[in-house]
Protein backbone atom coordinates (compact mmCIF):
# COMPACT_ATOMS: atom_id res chain seq x y z
CA UNK A 1 68.48 150.72 166.39
CA UNK A 2 71.92 149.46 164.78
CA UNK A 3 73.32 149.61 168.12
CA UNK A 4 70.76 147.56 169.71
CA UNK A 5 70.87 144.68 166.89
CA UNK A 6 74.78 144.81 167.38
CA UNK A 7 74.42 144.46 170.93
CA UNK A 8 71.69 141.14 170.49
CA UNK A 9 74.11 139.72 167.98
CA UNK A 10 77.12 140.05 170.29
CA UNK A 11 75.10 138.63 173.20
CA UNK A 12 73.77 135.73 171.24
CA UNK A 13 77.58 135.03 170.11
CA UNK A 14 78.58 135.06 173.62
CA UNK A 15 75.79 132.68 174.72
CA UNK A 16 76.71 130.40 171.89
CA UNK A 17 80.23 130.33 172.68
CA UNK A 18 79.63 129.93 176.47
CA UNK A 19 77.52 127.03 175.61
CA UNK A 20 80.11 125.31 173.40
CA UNK A 21 82.84 125.69 175.89
CA UNK A 22 80.97 124.20 178.90
CA UNK A 23 79.00 121.50 177.04
CA UNK A 24 81.67 120.39 174.71
CA UNK A 25 85.13 121.63 174.99
CA UNK A 26 85.52 121.40 178.70
CA UNK A 27 83.96 117.81 179.07
CA UNK A 28 86.08 116.54 175.99
CA UNK A 29 89.42 118.24 177.87
CA UNK A 30 88.69 116.69 180.94
CA UNK A 31 88.17 113.04 179.32
CA UNK A 32 91.25 113.67 177.30
CA UNK A 33 93.15 114.23 180.75
CA UNK A 34 91.56 111.15 182.24
CA UNK A 35 92.65 109.30 179.48
CA UNK A 36 96.49 110.58 179.48
CA UNK A 37 96.39 109.93 183.13
CA UNK A 38 95.18 106.26 182.97
CA UNK A 39 97.98 105.69 180.20
CA UNK A 40 100.75 107.31 182.53
CA UNK A 41 99.75 105.10 185.30
CA UNK A 42 99.87 101.96 183.11
CA UNK A 43 103.27 103.00 181.61
CA UNK A 44 104.45 103.43 185.67
CA UNK A 45 103.20 99.76 186.05
CA UNK A 46 104.77 98.35 183.06
CA UNK A 47 108.08 100.20 184.13
CA UNK A 48 107.91 98.64 187.54
CA UNK A 49 107.26 95.00 186.29
CA UNK A 50 109.42 91.98 185.70
CA UNK A 51 108.26 88.66 184.01
CA UNK A 52 109.07 85.29 184.93
CA UNK A 53 108.62 82.21 182.65
CA UNK A 54 110.38 79.10 181.63
CA UNK A 55 111.73 78.73 178.16
CA UNK A 56 111.61 75.22 176.03
CA UNK A 57 114.38 73.88 177.84
CA UNK A 58 112.65 74.46 181.37
CA UNK A 59 115.32 77.13 182.42
CA UNK A 60 113.79 80.29 184.46
CA UNK A 61 113.86 83.26 182.60
CA UNK A 62 113.13 87.00 184.06
CA UNK A 63 112.98 89.59 181.54
CA UNK A 64 111.52 92.98 181.34
CA UNK A 65 109.12 92.06 178.21
CA UNK A 66 106.48 89.40 178.41
CA UNK A 67 107.21 86.53 176.38
CA UNK A 68 104.99 85.82 173.46
CA UNK A 69 102.74 82.72 173.36
CA UNK A 70 104.03 81.57 176.91
CA UNK A 71 102.67 81.65 180.58
CA UNK A 72 104.16 83.82 182.48
CA UNK A 73 103.84 85.52 186.03
CA UNK A 74 104.27 89.56 186.51
CA UNK A 75 106.55 90.38 189.50
CA UNK A 76 107.16 93.96 190.53
CA UNK A 77 111.03 95.44 190.71
CA UNK A 78 109.59 97.42 193.92
CA UNK A 79 110.26 95.21 196.95
CA UNK A 80 106.94 95.16 199.61
CA UNK A 81 107.49 96.92 203.01
CA UNK A 82 108.40 94.67 205.75
CA UNK A 83 111.04 92.43 203.24
CA UNK A 84 114.30 92.63 203.99
CA UNK A 85 116.82 91.26 201.38
CA UNK A 86 120.35 90.61 202.64
CA UNK A 87 122.78 88.14 200.94
CA UNK A 88 125.12 87.69 204.07
CA UNK A 89 122.29 85.67 205.89
CA UNK A 90 122.10 82.00 205.85
């Protein structure tokens, strides 16, 4: 009788562990991975971005950090396909 009770307790504990793993732990880990991937994508876009804006004197500024309290335009550091940049041409 004791061994039957131990088997039933072990089965109940295994079922509870299985339920916890597949309903709580796995979805939370998947959500954490998705959030980490999204943060990584945002960081990659930010590393590929320059900011074009004008200072108080009207001079064009291009920086890798956006200016505070000013209108700016985002530009990509990576050229688009099909665009050729050659300084020798006039």
